[in-house]
Amino acid sequence: MPPRIRLFFSALSVMLFFIAAVPLYSELSRRSDIWWTPHAMIAPFAESKDRVEIYARGKPLAALLQAGQLRLAEDGGWTVVAPSDIGLRFNNWDRVRAERLPLLLVSAAGCGVTAFMFLLIVTGRLAYRGERKRGAAS
């Protein structure tokens, strides 16, 4: 393979490798604690029953709140905690990770293929052999 073509394909494969590697690097270097529900979007206790159940001493928190058995010490006195006083934040990291897995697998495969092509080009395994002349048909 002529050196100019080898250099061109080497540069092309390195560029494609980095294009495929950027999503992998950005995902693997991202902080994992940013997937919590923001404070401004805290889910009210009544709306979160399909995602979480909270128990205190074996009793459901909803039943304790309805019976008025949960109290909070404030300013030297006790106040009953109402269901509207409870808000929940959720960690959505598992859902986000599951959504991104196919893209990461495609990027990893792209990195592998381009690294393999780069290796073939650099070692000269894709040498140009020219066209072969066919023999005259008898």
N, C-alpha and C. Protein backbone atom coordinates (compact mmCIF):
# COMPACT_ATOMS: atom_id res chain seq x y z
N MET A 1 0.86 -1.17 0.00
CA MET A 1 0.00 0.00 0.00
C MET A 1 0.90 1.23 0.00
N PRO A 2 0.64 2.17 -0.88
CA PRO A 2 1.47 3.37 -0.93
C PRO A 2 1.43 4.13 0.40
N PRO A 3 2.54 4.75 0.78
CA PRO A 3 2.61 5.42 2.09
C PRO A 3 1.56 6.51 2.26
N ARG A 4 1.25 7.24 1.19
CA ARG A 4 0.27 8.32 1.32
C ARG A 4 -1.12 7.76 1.64
N ILE A 5 -1.50 6.68 1.00
CA ILE A 5 -2.81 6.06 1.26
C ILE A 5 -2.81 5.43 2.66
N ARG A 6 -1.69 4.82 3.04
CA ARG A 6 -1.59 4.24 4.38
C ARG A 6 -1.74 5.33 5.44
N LEU A 7 -1.11 6.47 5.23
CA LEU A 7 -1.23 7.58 6.18
C LEU A 7 -2.67 8.10 6.23
N PHE A 8 -3.31 8.20 5.07
CA PHE A 8 -4.69 8.68 5.03
C PHE A 8 -5.62 7.74 5.79
N PHE A 9 -5.53 6.44 5.54
CA PHE A 9 -6.41 5.49 6.23
C PHE A 9 -6.07 5.37 7.71
N SER A 10 -4.80 5.53 8.05
CA SER A 10 -4.43 5.53 9.48
C SER A 10 -5.06 6.72 10.19
N ALA A 11 -4.96 7.89 9.59
CA ALA A 11 -5.56 9.09 10.19
C ALA A 11 -7.08 8.96 10.26
N LEU A 12 -7.68 8.40 9.23
CA LEU A 12 -9.13 8.21 9.23
C LEU A 12 -9.58 7.25 10.33
N SER A 13 -8.85 6.16 10.49
CA SER A 13 -9.24 5.20 11.53
C SER A 13 -9.02 5.76 12.93
N VAL A 14 -7.97 6.56 13.13
CA VAL A 14 -7.75 7.19 14.44
C VAL A 14 -8.87 8.18 14.73
N MET A 15 -9.27 8.95 13.71
CA MET A 15 -10.35 9.91 13.90
C MET A 15 -11.66 9.19 14.23
N LEU A 16 -11.97 8.13 13.53
CA LEU A 16 -13.19 7.37 13.82
C LEU A 16 -13.14 6.72 15.19
N PHE A 17 -11.94 6.29 15.61
CA PHE A 17 -11.79 5.73 16.95
C PHE A 17 -12.15 6.77 18.01
N PHE A 18 -11.63 7.98 17.86
CA PHE A 18 -11.93 9.01 18.85
C PHE A 18 -13.39 9.43 18.82
N ILE A 19 -14.00 9.42 17.64
CA ILE A 19 -15.43 9.73 17.57
C ILE A 19 -16.24 8.69 18.35
N ALA A 20 -15.86 7.44 18.26
CA ALA A 20 -16.55 6.38 18.99
C ALA A 20 -16.18 6.37 20.47
N ALA A 21 -14.97 6.84 20.80
CA ALA A 21 -14.51 6.79 22.19
C ALA A 21 -15.05 7.93 23.04
N VAL A 22 -15.41 9.05 22.43
CA VAL A 22 -15.89 10.20 23.20
C VAL A 22 -17.14 9.87 24.02
N PRO A 23 -18.19 9.22 23.45
CA PRO A 23 -19.34 8.88 24.29
C PRO A 23 -18.99 7.92 25.43
N LEU A 24 -18.08 6.98 25.17
CA LEU A 24 -17.66 6.06 26.23
C LEU A 24 -16.96 6.82 27.36
N TYR A 25 -16.03 7.68 27.00
CA TYR A 25 -15.30 8.42 28.02
C TYR A 25 -16.23 9.33 28.82
N SER A 26 -17.13 10.03 28.12
CA SER A 26 -18.02 10.96 28.83
C SER A 26 -18.95 10.20 29.77
N GLU A 27 -19.39 9.01 29.39
CA GLU A 27 -20.28 8.24 30.26
C GLU A 27 -19.53 7.65 31.45
N LEU A 28 -18.34 7.16 31.22
CA LEU A 28 -17.59 6.52 32.31
C LEU A 28 -16.99 7.53 33.28
N SER A 29 -16.80 8.77 32.85
CA SER A 29 -16.22 9.78 33.74
C SER A 29 -17.28 10.64 34.41
N ARG A 30 -18.55 10.41 34.13
CA ARG A 30 -19.64 11.20 34.69
C ARG A 30 -19.88 10.81 36.15
N ARG A 31 -20.22 11.81 36.96
CA ARG A 31 -20.54 11.54 38.36
C ARG A 31 -21.82 10.72 38.43
N SER A 32 -21.88 9.79 39.37
CA SER A 32 -23.07 8.94 39.48
C SER A 32 -24.09 9.49 40.48
N ASP A 33 -23.79 10.59 41.14
CA ASP A 33 -24.72 11.11 42.14
C ASP A 33 -25.59 12.24 41.60
N ILE A 34 -25.63 12.47 40.30
CA ILE A 34 -26.40 13.58 39.74
C ILE A 34 -27.78 13.17 39.30
N TRP A 35 -28.16 11.93 39.51
CA TRP A 35 -29.43 11.43 38.98
C TRP A 35 -30.56 11.47 39.98
N TRP A 36 -30.38 12.16 41.09
CA TRP A 36 -31.45 12.30 42.07
C TRP A 36 -32.46 13.31 41.58
N THR A 37 -33.70 13.12 41.94
CA THR A 37 -34.75 14.08 41.60
C THR A 37 -34.38 15.43 42.20
N PRO A 38 -34.45 16.52 41.44
CA PRO A 38 -34.12 17.84 41.99
C PRO A 38 -35.08 18.23 43.13
N HIS A 39 -34.59 19.08 44.04
CA HIS A 39 -35.42 19.51 45.17
C HIS A 39 -36.70 20.18 44.71
N ALA A 40 -36.65 20.90 43.61
CA ALA A 40 -37.84 21.60 43.12
C ALA A 40 -38.90 20.63 42.60
N MET A 41 -38.50 19.40 42.29
CA MET A 41 -39.44 18.42 41.74
C MET A 41 -39.69 17.26 42.70
N ILE A 42 -39.58 17.49 43.99
CA ILE A 42 -39.82 16.44 44.98
C ILE A 42 -41.23 15.89 44.81
N ALA A 43 -41.35 14.58 44.80
CA ALA A 43 -42.64 13.93 44.61
C ALA A 43 -43.41 13.91 45.93
N PRO A 44 -44.66 14.36 45.91
CA PRO A 44 -45.47 14.26 47.12
C PRO A 44 -45.65 12.81 47.52
N PHE A 45 -45.87 12.59 48.79
CA PHE A 45 -45.99 11.24 49.32
C PHE A 45 -47.12 10.47 48.64
N ALA A 46 -48.23 11.12 48.39
CA ALA A 46 -49.39 10.45 47.78
C ALA A 46 -49.10 10.00 46.35
N GLU A 47 -48.27 10.72 45.61
CA GLU A 47 -47.98 10.38 44.22
C GLU A 47 -46.86 9.35 44.07
N SER A 48 -46.20 9.01 45.14
CA SER A 48 -45.05 8.11 45.04
C SER A 48 -45.36 6.69 45.49
N LYS A 49 -46.61 6.38 45.72
CA LYS A 49 -46.97 5.05 46.23
C LYS A 49 -46.66 3.94 45.23
N ASP A 50 -46.63 4.25 43.95
CA ASP A 50 -46.34 3.21 42.97
C ASP A 50 -44.84 2.90 42.86
N ARG A 51 -43.99 3.74 43.46
CA ARG A 51 -42.54 3.53 43.34
C ARG A 51 -41.86 3.17 44.65
N VAL A 52 -42.49 3.50 45.78
CA VAL A 52 -41.82 3.26 47.05
C VAL A 52 -42.85 3.04 48.15
N GLU A 53 -42.49 2.18 49.11
CA GLU A 53 -43.27 1.98 50.33
C GLU A 53 -42.31 2.15 51.50
N ILE A 54 -42.70 2.96 52.45
CA ILE A 54 -41.84 3.23 53.60
C ILE A 54 -42.52 2.66 54.84
N TYR A 55 -41.74 1.95 55.65
CA TYR A 55 -42.25 1.34 56.88
C TYR A 55 -41.48 1.88 58.07
N ALA A 56 -42.17 2.10 59.16
CA ALA A 56 -41.54 2.49 60.42
C ALA A 56 -41.99 1.49 61.48
N ARG A 57 -41.02 0.74 62.00
CA ARG A 57 -41.29 -0.32 62.97
C ARG A 57 -42.33 -1.32 62.47
N GLY A 58 -42.24 -1.65 61.19
CA GLY A 58 -43.11 -2.65 60.60
C GLY A 58 -44.46 -2.15 60.16
N LYS A 59 -44.76 -0.89 60.38
CA LYS A 59 -46.06 -0.34 59.98
C LYS A 59 -45.85 0.61 58.80
N PRO A 60 -46.79 0.58 57.83
CA PRO A 60 -46.65 1.49 56.69
C PRO A 60 -46.71 2.95 57.12
N LEU A 61 -45.88 3.77 56.51
CA LEU A 61 -45.83 5.18 56.86
C LEU A 61 -47.16 5.87 56.58
N ALA A 62 -47.84 5.46 55.51
CA ALA A 62 -49.14 6.07 55.17
C ALA A 62 -50.14 5.84 56.30
N ALA A 63 -50.17 4.64 56.87
CA ALA A 63 -51.10 4.35 57.97
C ALA A 63 -50.75 5.16 59.21
N LEU A 64 -49.46 5.32 59.48
CA LEU A 64 -49.05 6.11 60.64
C LEU A 64 -49.42 7.58 60.46
N LEU A 65 -49.27 8.09 59.24
CA LEU A 65 -49.63 9.49 58.98
C LEU A 65 -51.13 9.71 59.10
N GLN A 66 -51.93 8.77 58.58
CA GLN A 66 -53.38 8.91 58.64
C GLN A 66 -53.88 8.84 60.08
N ALA A 67 -53.26 8.02 60.90
CA ALA A 67 -53.67 7.88 62.30
C ALA A 67 -53.11 9.01 63.17
N GLY A 68 -52.24 9.83 62.62
CA GLY A 68 -51.66 10.92 63.41
C GLY A 68 -50.65 10.45 64.43
N GLN A 69 -50.04 9.30 64.20
CA GLN A 69 -49.09 8.73 65.16
C GLN A 69 -47.67 9.22 64.95
N LEU A 70 -47.43 9.96 63.90
CA LEU A 70 -46.10 10.49 63.65
C LEU A 70 -46.04 11.93 64.10
N ARG A 71 -45.08 12.21 64.98
CA ARG A 71 -44.97 13.57 65.51
C ARG A 71 -43.53 14.04 65.33
N LEU A 72 -43.40 15.38 65.23
CA LEU A 72 -42.10 16.00 65.01
C LEU A 72 -41.88 17.04 66.10
N ALA A 73 -40.70 16.98 66.72
CA ALA A 73 -40.37 17.94 67.78
C ALA A 73 -39.85 19.22 67.13
N GLU A 74 -40.56 20.33 67.36
CA GLU A 74 -40.17 21.63 66.83
C GLU A 74 -40.34 22.69 67.90
N ASP A 75 -39.32 23.50 68.08
CA ASP A 75 -39.38 24.64 69.00
C ASP A 75 -39.91 24.26 70.39
N GLY A 76 -39.47 23.15 70.89
CA GLY A 76 -39.86 22.73 72.23
C GLY A 76 -41.23 22.09 72.31
N GLY A 77 -41.94 21.97 71.21
CA GLY A 77 -43.27 21.34 71.21
C GLY A 77 -43.33 20.24 70.18
N TRP A 78 -44.45 19.57 70.13
CA TRP A 78 -44.65 18.46 69.21
C TRP A 78 -45.74 18.84 68.22
N THR A 79 -45.50 18.53 66.94
CA THR A 79 -46.52 18.73 65.92
C THR A 79 -46.75 17.42 65.18
N VAL A 80 -47.99 17.21 64.78
CA VAL A 80 -48.34 15.99 64.05
C VAL A 80 -47.90 16.17 62.60
N VAL A 81 -47.27 15.13 62.06
CA VAL A 81 -46.81 15.16 60.67
C VAL A 81 -47.96 14.72 59.77
N ALA A 82 -48.28 15.54 58.78
CA ALA A 82 -49.35 15.23 57.81
C ALA A 82 -48.74 14.62 56.55
N PRO A 83 -49.54 13.90 55.78
CA PRO A 83 -49.01 13.34 54.53
C PRO A 83 -48.47 14.40 53.58
N SER A 84 -48.99 15.61 53.62
CA SER A 84 -48.49 16.66 52.74
C SER A 84 -47.12 17.18 53.18
N ASP A 85 -46.68 16.84 54.40
CA ASP A 85 -45.37 17.25 54.89
C ASP A 85 -44.24 16.35 54.38
N ILE A 86 -44.60 15.21 53.83
CA ILE A 86 -43.62 14.22 53.39
C ILE A 86 -43.40 14.37 51.88
N GLY A 87 -42.15 14.47 51.47
CA GLY A 87 -41.78 14.51 50.06
C GLY A 87 -40.63 13.55 49.81
N LEU A 88 -40.59 12.97 48.64
CA LEU A 88 -39.57 11.96 48.33
C LEU A 88 -38.77 12.35 47.10
N ARG A 89 -37.48 12.05 47.15
CA ARG A 89 -36.59 12.20 46.01
C ARG A 89 -36.15 10.80 45.59
N PHE A 90 -36.05 10.59 44.30
CA PHE A 90 -35.69 9.28 43.77
C PHE A 90 -34.36 9.34 43.06
N ASN A 91 -33.62 8.24 43.13
CA ASN A 91 -32.37 8.11 42.40
C ASN A 91 -32.68 7.36 41.11
N ASN A 92 -32.56 8.02 39.98
CA ASN A 92 -32.91 7.45 38.69
C ASN A 92 -31.71 6.91 37.94
N TRP A 93 -30.60 6.69 38.62
CA TRP A 93 -29.37 6.24 37.96
C TRP A 93 -29.56 4.90 37.26
N ASP A 94 -30.29 3.97 37.86
CA ASP A 94 -30.47 2.67 37.24
C ASP A 94 -31.26 2.77 35.94
N ARG A 95 -32.25 3.63 35.89
CA ARG A 95 -33.04 3.80 34.67
C ARG A 95 -32.23 4.49 33.58
N VAL A 96 -31.48 5.49 33.94
CA VAL A 96 -30.66 6.21 32.96
C VAL A 96 -29.58 5.28 32.40
N ARG A 97 -28.98 4.50 33.27
CA ARG A 97 -27.94 3.57 32.83
C ARG A 97 -28.51 2.52 31.88
N ALA A 98 -29.70 2.03 32.15
CA ALA A 98 -30.32 1.04 31.27
C ALA A 98 -30.67 1.65 29.91
N GLU A 99 -31.06 2.92 29.88
CA GLU A 99 -31.37 3.57 28.61
C GLU A 99 -30.13 3.80 27.77
N ARG A 100 -29.00 4.03 28.40
CA ARG A 100 -27.78 4.36 27.67
C ARG A 100 -26.94 3.15 27.28
N LEU A 101 -27.26 2.01 27.78
CA LEU A 101 -26.46 0.82 27.52
C LEU A 101 -26.33 0.48 26.04
N PRO A 102 -27.41 0.50 25.22
CA PRO A 102 -27.23 0.18 23.80
C PRO A 102 -26.27 1.14 23.08
N LEU A 103 -26.35 2.43 23.38
CA LEU A 103 -25.44 3.39 22.75
C LEU A 103 -23.99 3.12 23.16
N LEU A 104 -23.78 2.79 24.41
CA LEU A 104 -22.42 2.50 24.87
C LEU A 104 -21.87 1.23 24.23
N LEU A 105 -22.72 0.24 24.03
CA LEU A 105 -22.26 -0.99 23.37
C LEU A 105 -21.89 -0.73 21.91
N VAL A 106 -22.67 0.09 21.24
CA VAL A 106 -22.34 0.44 19.85
C VAL A 106 -21.03 1.23 19.80
N SER A 107 -20.84 2.15 20.73
CA SER A 107 -19.59 2.92 20.77
C SER A 107 -18.40 2.02 21.06
N ALA A 108 -18.57 1.07 21.97
CA ALA A 108 -17.48 0.14 22.28
C ALA A 108 -17.15 -0.73 21.07
N ALA A 109 -18.17 -1.18 20.35
CA ALA A 109 -17.93 -1.98 19.15
C ALA A 109 -17.22 -1.14 18.09
N GLY A 110 -17.63 0.12 17.95
CA GLY A 110 -16.96 1.02 17.00
C GLY A 110 -15.50 1.23 17.34
N CYS A 111 -15.21 1.38 18.63
CA CYS A 111 -13.81 1.51 19.05
C CYS A 111 -13.01 0.26 18.71
N GLY A 112 -13.60 -0.89 18.94
CA GLY A 112 -12.90 -2.14 18.64
C GLY A 112 -12.63 -2.31 17.15
N VAL A 113 -13.63 -2.02 16.34
CA VAL A 113 -13.47 -2.17 14.89
C VAL A 113 -12.43 -1.19 14.35
N THR A 114 -12.51 0.06 14.77
CA THR A 114 -11.54 1.03 14.25
C THR A 114 -10.13 0.76 14.76
N ALA A 115 -9.99 0.28 15.98
CA ALA A 115 -8.65 -0.07 16.48
C ALA A 115 -8.09 -1.25 15.68
N PHE A 116 -8.96 -2.21 15.35
CA PHE A 116 -8.52 -3.35 14.55
C PHE A 116 -8.11 -2.91 13.15
N MET A 117 -8.88 -2.03 12.53
CA MET A 117 -8.53 -1.53 11.20
C MET A 117 -7.22 -0.75 11.24
N PHE A 118 -7.02 0.06 12.27
CA PHE A 118 -5.77 0.80 12.42
C PHE A 118 -4.60 -0.16 12.52
N LEU A 119 -4.76 -1.21 13.29
CA LEU A 119 -3.70 -2.20 13.45
C LEU A 119 -3.39 -2.88 12.11
N LEU A 120 -4.43 -3.21 11.35
CA LEU A 120 -4.20 -3.83 10.03
C LEU A 120 -3.47 -2.88 9.09
N ILE A 121 -3.84 -1.63 9.12
CA ILE A 121 -3.21 -0.65 8.21
C ILE A 121 -1.75 -0.42 8.61
N VAL A 122 -1.50 -0.24 9.89
CA VAL A 122 -0.14 0.06 10.35
C VAL A 122 0.79 -1.11 10.11
N THR A 123 0.32 -2.34 10.29
CA THR A 123 1.18 -3.51 10.09
C THR A 123 1.30 -3.93 8.63
N GLY A 124 0.55 -3.28 7.74
CA GLY A 124 0.67 -3.57 6.32
C GLY A 124 -0.08 -4.81 5.88
N ARG A 125 -1.05 -5.26 6.64
CA ARG A 125 -1.81 -6.45 6.27
C ARG A 125 -2.82 -6.17 5.15
N LEU A 126 -3.11 -4.91 4.91
CA LEU A 126 -4.04 -4.55 3.83
C LEU A 126 -3.25 -4.06 2.62
N ALA A 127 -2.26 -4.81 2.22
CA ALA A 127 -1.39 -4.42 1.12
C ALA A 127 -2.14 -4.49 -0.20
N TYR A 128 -1.85 -3.52 -1.07
CA TYR A 128 -2.46 -3.47 -2.39
C TYR A 128 -1.70 -4.44 -3.29
N ARG A 129 -2.42 -5.37 -3.90
CA ARG A 129 -1.76 -6.38 -4.72
C ARG A 129 -2.00 -6.18 -6.21
N GLY A 130 -2.79 -5.21 -6.56
CA GLY A 130 -3.05 -4.96 -7.98
C GLY A 130 -4.01 -5.98 -8.56
N GLU A 131 -4.40 -5.75 -9.81
CA GLU A 131 -5.31 -6.67 -10.47
C GLU A 131 -4.52 -7.80 -11.11
N ARG A 132 -5.09 -8.95 -11.10
CA ARG A 132 -4.45 -10.10 -11.76
C ARG A 132 -5.03 -10.25 -13.15
N LYS A 133 -4.16 -10.58 -14.05
CA LYS A 133 -4.63 -10.80 -15.42
C LYS A 133 -5.22 -12.19 -15.51
N ARG A 134 -6.34 -12.24 -16.17
CA ARG A 134 -6.97 -13.54 -16.36
C ARG A 134 -6.34 -14.23 -17.56
N GLY A 135 -6.22 -15.51 -17.43
CA GLY A 135 -5.67 -16.29 -18.56
C GLY A 135 -6.70 -16.38 -19.68
N ALA A 136 -6.23 -16.64 -20.85
CA ALA A 136 -7.14 -16.75 -22.00
C ALA A 136 -7.98 -18.00 -21.83
N ALA A 137 -9.25 -17.85 -22.11
CA ALA A 137 -10.16 -18.98 -21.96
C ALA A 137 -9.93 -19.95 -23.11
N SER A 138 -9.87 -21.21 -22.80
CA SER A 138 -9.62 -22.20 -23.85
C SER A 138 -10.90 -22.79 -24.35
